[in-house]
Amino acid sequence: MEYVGYVEPGGYDRVVSRGDPATREFLAFWLKDGRILAGMNVNVWDVTDPVRELVRSGRTVDPKALADPGAPLGEL
């Protein structure tokens, strides 16, 4: 499990998951006003750098695309 970014309790308005928590292989993203404040990966490899870039970028993302495992993180 790896966590990137920081969000205070209640400092977000949406949590978006990508993957299947039942299989213990998923990503979770904490958003505020469409911007990713933090991201966590659980048993998904080689995604820390793209998640870090999304957090640092401060740009808004489409939550549906973010939740879609078929959408490359680097293209969001």
Protein backbone atom coordinates (compact mmCIF):
# COMPACT_ATOMS: atom_id res chain seq x y z
CA MET A 1 0.00 0.00 0.00
CA GLU A 2 1.29 3.45 -0.91
CA TYR A 3 -0.26 6.84 -0.22
CA VAL A 4 0.56 10.09 -2.03
CA GLY A 5 -0.61 13.58 -1.06
CA TYR A 6 -2.48 14.69 2.01
CA VAL A 7 -6.05 15.45 2.90
CA GLU A 8 -7.41 16.37 6.30
CA PRO A 9 -10.46 14.54 7.64
CA GLY A 10 -13.46 16.18 6.01
CA GLY A 11 -11.22 18.10 3.60
CA TYR A 12 -12.57 16.29 0.55
CA ASP A 13 -15.95 16.03 -1.10
CA ARG A 14 -15.58 12.74 -2.95
CA VAL A 15 -13.69 9.45 -2.86
CA VAL A 16 -13.25 7.65 -6.17
CA SER A 17 -12.13 4.02 -6.31
CA ARG A 18 -10.60 2.29 -9.31
CA GLY A 19 -10.41 -1.50 -9.36
CA ASP A 20 -12.05 -3.96 -7.01
CA PRO A 21 -11.56 -3.64 -3.24
CA ALA A 22 -12.93 -7.18 -2.85
CA THR A 23 -9.81 -8.50 -4.62
CA ARG A 24 -7.58 -6.17 -2.58
CA GLU A 25 -6.27 -4.62 -5.79
CA PHE A 26 -7.50 -1.07 -6.18
CA LEU A 27 -6.70 2.63 -6.16
CA ALA A 28 -8.53 5.24 -4.11
CA PHE A 29 -8.51 8.99 -4.75
CA TRP A 30 -9.69 11.80 -2.46
CA LEU A 31 -11.04 14.78 -4.43
CA LYS A 32 -12.13 18.31 -3.64
CA ASP A 33 -13.85 20.35 -6.36
CA GLY A 34 -12.69 17.81 -8.97
CA ARG A 35 -9.01 18.02 -8.00
CA ILE A 36 -7.13 15.04 -6.58
CA LEU A 37 -5.74 15.81 -3.13
CA ALA A 38 -4.46 12.32 -2.33
CA GLY A 39 -4.26 8.86 -3.83
CA MET A 40 -3.61 5.39 -2.46
CA ASN A 41 -2.77 2.18 -4.26
CA VAL A 42 -3.32 -1.25 -2.78
CA ASN A 43 -1.52 -4.13 -4.53
CA VAL A 44 -1.43 -2.28 -7.86
CA TRP A 45 2.12 -1.95 -9.09
CA ASP A 46 3.89 0.81 -10.99
CA VAL A 47 1.27 3.51 -10.44
CA THR A 48 2.88 5.63 -7.74
CA ASP A 49 4.53 8.06 -10.17
CA PRO A 50 1.35 8.70 -12.23
CA VAL A 51 -0.70 9.09 -9.03
CA ARG A 52 1.88 11.53 -7.65
CA GLU A 53 1.74 13.53 -10.89
CA LEU A 54 -2.07 13.73 -10.72
CA VAL A 55 -1.91 14.97 -7.12
CA ARG A 56 0.81 17.53 -7.83
CA SER A 57 -0.77 18.82 -11.04
CA GLY A 58 -3.77 20.36 -9.29
CA ARG A 59 -5.82 19.97 -12.47
CA THR A 60 -9.42 18.81 -12.42
CA VAL A 61 -10.22 15.29 -13.55
CA ASP A 62 -13.34 13.49 -14.71
CA PRO A 63 -14.30 11.16 -11.82
CA LYS A 64 -15.78 8.58 -14.24
CA ALA A 65 -12.52 8.41 -16.19
CA LEU A 66 -10.57 8.25 -12.94
CA ALA A 67 -12.62 5.24 -11.84
CA ASP A 68 -12.16 3.45 -15.18
CA PRO A 69 -9.27 0.94 -15.00
CA GLY A 70 -9.05 1.09 -18.80
CA ALA A 71 -8.25 4.82 -18.82
CA PRO A 72 -4.48 5.37 -18.51
CA LEU A 73 -3.68 7.49 -15.47
CA GLY A 74 -1.15 9.51 -17.44
CA GLU A 75 -3.87 10.68 -19.81
CA LEU A 76 -6.31 12.02 -17.23
